[in-house]
Amino acid sequence: MGQNDILDAFRSAMRHVAATVYAVTTGHDGERFGILATAVSSLSFDPPSLLVCINRAGSLHEPIASTDRFCVNVLGVGNRDVADCFARGGTGEERFSIGDWVEEQGVPVLASAQSSLVCRIAHRHAFGTHTIIIGELIAARHRENAKPLTYYDGRYIDITEAPDQQP
């Protein structure tokens, strides 16, 4: 199997892994920046921390490399309009034209998100096309009544409507 075949197989496999959708945001020099991401994972409970993988060619990479804080906003089904706005691209501020954004700890936080996790950057590690950022939690909020916005096979899905299939 050649390198291109492996890459194609990897892309196909990853398209079929359902993933929560996140709006990763930061503030730098009085401006707000953000991207949609699915490459976010909890790392540890002691200390409470997350891994966030940011493409070095992406619009968030330079701003997040120049600051010490970021927020992972866990999007709910009710935040689809925010996800669509972020996906359209545009400048940093254009991405914040939809949604109820507030500033906490110097970063944009989506007030209506399922959860918002503000982190202080503890470590950065370059790997391949991305920078892996470890963030230690410094503030958090969570809404119990939100359904997660989920991405699967190139589209958003509502997993709460998935049928329970028994083998």
Protein backbone atom coordinates (compact mmCIF):
# COMPACT_ATOMS: atom_id res chain seq x y z
CA MET A 1 0.00 0.00 0.00
CA GLY A 2 1.53 3.33 -1.10
CA GLN A 3 1.62 6.55 0.94
CA ASN A 4 -1.29 8.08 -1.04
CA ASP A 5 -3.37 4.93 -0.47
CA ILE A 6 -2.66 5.11 3.26
CA LEU A 7 -3.62 8.80 3.37
CA ASP A 8 -6.86 8.14 1.45
CA ALA A 9 -7.75 5.24 3.76
CA PHE A 10 -6.99 7.38 6.82
CA ARG A 11 -9.18 10.25 5.56
CA SER A 12 -12.02 7.85 4.81
CA ALA A 13 -11.75 6.20 8.22
CA MET A 14 -11.68 9.53 10.07
CA ARG A 15 -14.73 10.81 8.15
CA HIS A 16 -16.66 7.95 9.73
CA VAL A 17 -15.72 8.75 13.31
CA ALA A 18 -18.46 10.87 14.84
CA ALA A 19 -16.94 13.90 16.56
CA THR A 20 -18.20 16.71 18.74
CA VAL A 21 -17.86 20.15 17.13
CA TYR A 22 -15.88 22.82 19.00
CA ALA A 23 -15.31 26.52 18.44
CA VAL A 24 -11.76 27.13 19.67
CA THR A 25 -11.24 30.84 20.38
CA THR A 26 -8.64 33.24 21.66
CA GLY A 27 -8.01 36.95 21.97
CA HIS A 28 -4.86 38.76 20.90
CA ASP A 29 -4.07 42.50 20.66
CA GLY A 30 -7.73 43.43 21.16
CA GLU A 31 -8.99 41.11 18.41
CA ARG A 32 -10.91 37.84 18.56
CA PHE A 33 -9.93 34.75 16.61
CA GLY A 34 -11.55 31.35 16.28
CA ILE A 35 -11.89 28.15 14.28
CA LEU A 36 -14.11 25.09 14.19
CA ALA A 37 -12.34 21.96 15.37
CA THR A 38 -12.97 18.32 16.10
CA ALA A 39 -9.40 17.51 17.23
CA VAL A 40 -9.97 18.25 20.94
CA SER A 41 -9.63 15.76 23.77
CA SER A 42 -9.59 15.68 27.54
CA LEU A 43 -6.11 14.92 28.83
CA SER A 44 -6.14 14.75 32.61
CA PHE A 45 -8.27 15.44 35.67
CA ASP A 46 -5.20 16.28 37.76
CA PRO A 47 -4.59 18.94 36.65
CA PRO A 48 -7.79 19.38 34.62
CA SER A 49 -6.47 19.75 31.07
CA LEU A 50 -7.23 19.42 27.36
CA LEU A 51 -5.37 18.68 24.14
CA VAL A 52 -6.22 20.89 21.15
CA CYS A 53 -4.65 20.30 17.74
CA ILE A 54 -4.34 23.41 15.54
CA ASN A 55 -3.22 23.30 11.90
CA ARG A 56 -0.15 25.49 11.50
CA ALA A 57 -1.58 26.85 8.21
CA GLY A 58 -4.88 27.80 9.88
CA SER A 59 -6.01 31.30 10.81
CA LEU A 60 -5.95 30.56 14.56
CA HIS A 61 -2.38 29.27 14.69
CA GLU A 62 -0.46 32.55 14.87
CA PRO A 63 -2.85 34.25 17.34
CA ILE A 64 -2.88 31.23 19.69
CA ALA A 65 0.91 30.99 19.43
CA SER A 66 1.12 34.61 20.64
CA THR A 67 -1.11 34.31 23.68
CA ASP A 68 -1.34 32.24 26.83
CA ARG A 69 -5.09 31.47 26.90
CA PHE A 70 -7.81 29.97 24.76
CA CYS A 71 -11.37 28.68 25.10
CA VAL A 72 -12.88 25.45 23.85
CA ASN A 73 -16.58 26.09 23.27
CA VAL A 74 -18.42 22.77 22.98
CA LEU A 75 -21.16 23.48 20.45
CA GLY A 76 -24.67 22.18 20.91
CA VAL A 77 -27.29 21.49 18.23
CA GLY A 78 -28.67 24.97 18.99
CA ASN A 79 -25.31 26.48 17.96
CA ARG A 80 -25.49 25.27 14.35
CA ASP A 81 -25.71 28.91 13.19
CA VAL A 82 -22.42 29.66 14.97
CA ALA A 83 -20.78 26.62 13.34
CA ASP A 84 -22.04 27.70 9.91
CA CYS A 85 -20.72 31.24 10.46
CA PHE A 86 -17.28 29.96 11.51
CA ALA A 87 -17.22 27.53 8.55
CA ARG A 88 -17.83 30.35 6.07
CA GLY A 89 -14.46 31.80 7.08
CA GLY A 90 -13.86 35.49 6.68
CA THR A 91 -11.82 37.60 9.05
CA GLY A 92 -11.55 36.84 12.74
CA GLU A 93 -14.25 39.32 13.77
CA GLU A 94 -16.69 38.18 11.06
CA ARG A 95 -16.76 34.76 12.70
CA PHE A 96 -18.18 36.33 15.87
CA SER A 97 -21.11 38.06 14.11
CA ILE A 98 -23.45 35.21 15.11
CA GLY A 99 -23.98 34.07 18.70
CA ASP A 100 -23.92 35.60 22.17
CA TRP A 101 -20.18 36.08 22.76
CA VAL A 102 -18.82 37.35 26.09
CA GLU A 103 -15.26 37.86 27.22
CA GLU A 104 -13.94 35.80 30.11
CA GLN A 105 -10.30 35.63 31.18
CA GLY A 106 -9.42 37.60 28.03
CA VAL A 107 -10.93 35.12 25.53
CA PRO A 108 -14.25 34.91 23.65
CA VAL A 109 -16.75 32.55 25.30
CA LEU A 110 -20.02 31.52 23.66
CA ALA A 111 -22.70 32.06 26.33
CA SER A 112 -25.08 29.56 24.69
CA ALA A 113 -22.50 26.78 24.19
CA GLN A 114 -23.09 23.35 25.70
CA SER A 115 -19.86 23.90 27.63
CA SER A 116 -17.04 26.44 27.59
CA LEU A 117 -13.61 25.54 28.91
CA VAL A 118 -11.11 28.36 29.33
CA CYS A 119 -7.52 27.19 29.51
CA ARG A 120 -4.05 28.57 30.16
CA ILE A 121 -1.53 27.19 27.68
CA ALA A 122 0.83 24.84 29.52
CA HIS A 123 2.70 23.34 26.57
CA ARG A 124 2.95 23.41 22.77
CA HIS A 125 4.33 20.57 20.65
CA ALA A 126 4.76 20.63 16.86
CA PHE A 127 3.89 17.43 15.03
CA GLY A 128 3.33 17.05 11.29
CA THR A 129 1.05 19.80 10.03
CA HIS A 130 -0.28 20.70 13.47
CA THR A 131 0.65 22.12 16.84
CA ILE A 132 -0.64 20.15 19.80
CA ILE A 133 -1.56 22.53 22.58
CA ILE A 134 -2.02 21.40 26.17
CA GLY A 135 -4.26 23.71 28.14
CA GLU A 136 -4.84 23.68 31.90
CA LEU A 137 -8.40 24.59 32.86
CA ILE A 138 -8.83 27.95 34.60
CA ALA A 139 -12.61 28.47 34.15
CA ALA A 140 -15.58 26.41 32.99
CA ARG A 141 -19.30 26.62 32.42
CA HIS A 142 -21.75 23.91 31.38
CA ARG A 143 -25.43 23.69 30.40
CA GLU A 144 -27.13 20.42 31.31
CA ASN A 145 -29.92 20.77 28.75
CA ALA A 146 -27.85 21.07 25.54
CA LYS A 147 -27.54 18.37 22.89
CA PRO A 148 -24.05 18.09 21.31
CA LEU A 149 -23.50 19.19 17.72
CA THR A 150 -21.82 16.24 16.04
CA TYR A 151 -19.94 15.97 12.74
CA TYR A 152 -19.99 12.72 10.77
CA ASP A 153 -19.09 11.91 7.16
CA GLY A 154 -18.89 15.55 6.06
CA ARG A 155 -22.12 16.76 7.69
CA TYR A 156 -23.67 17.68 11.03
CA ILE A 157 -25.87 15.09 12.65
CA ASP A 158 -28.07 15.03 15.75
CA ILE A 159 -26.95 11.90 17.60
CA THR A 160 -29.87 12.12 20.00
CA GLU A 161 -32.08 10.98 17.10
CA ALA A 162 -29.93 7.96 16.22
CA PRO A 163 -31.79 4.66 16.47
CA ASP A 164 -30.69 2.21 19.13
CA GLN A 165 -29.49 -0.73 17.02
CA GLN A 166 -28.96 -4.03 18.75
CA PRO A 167 -26.77 -6.70 17.11
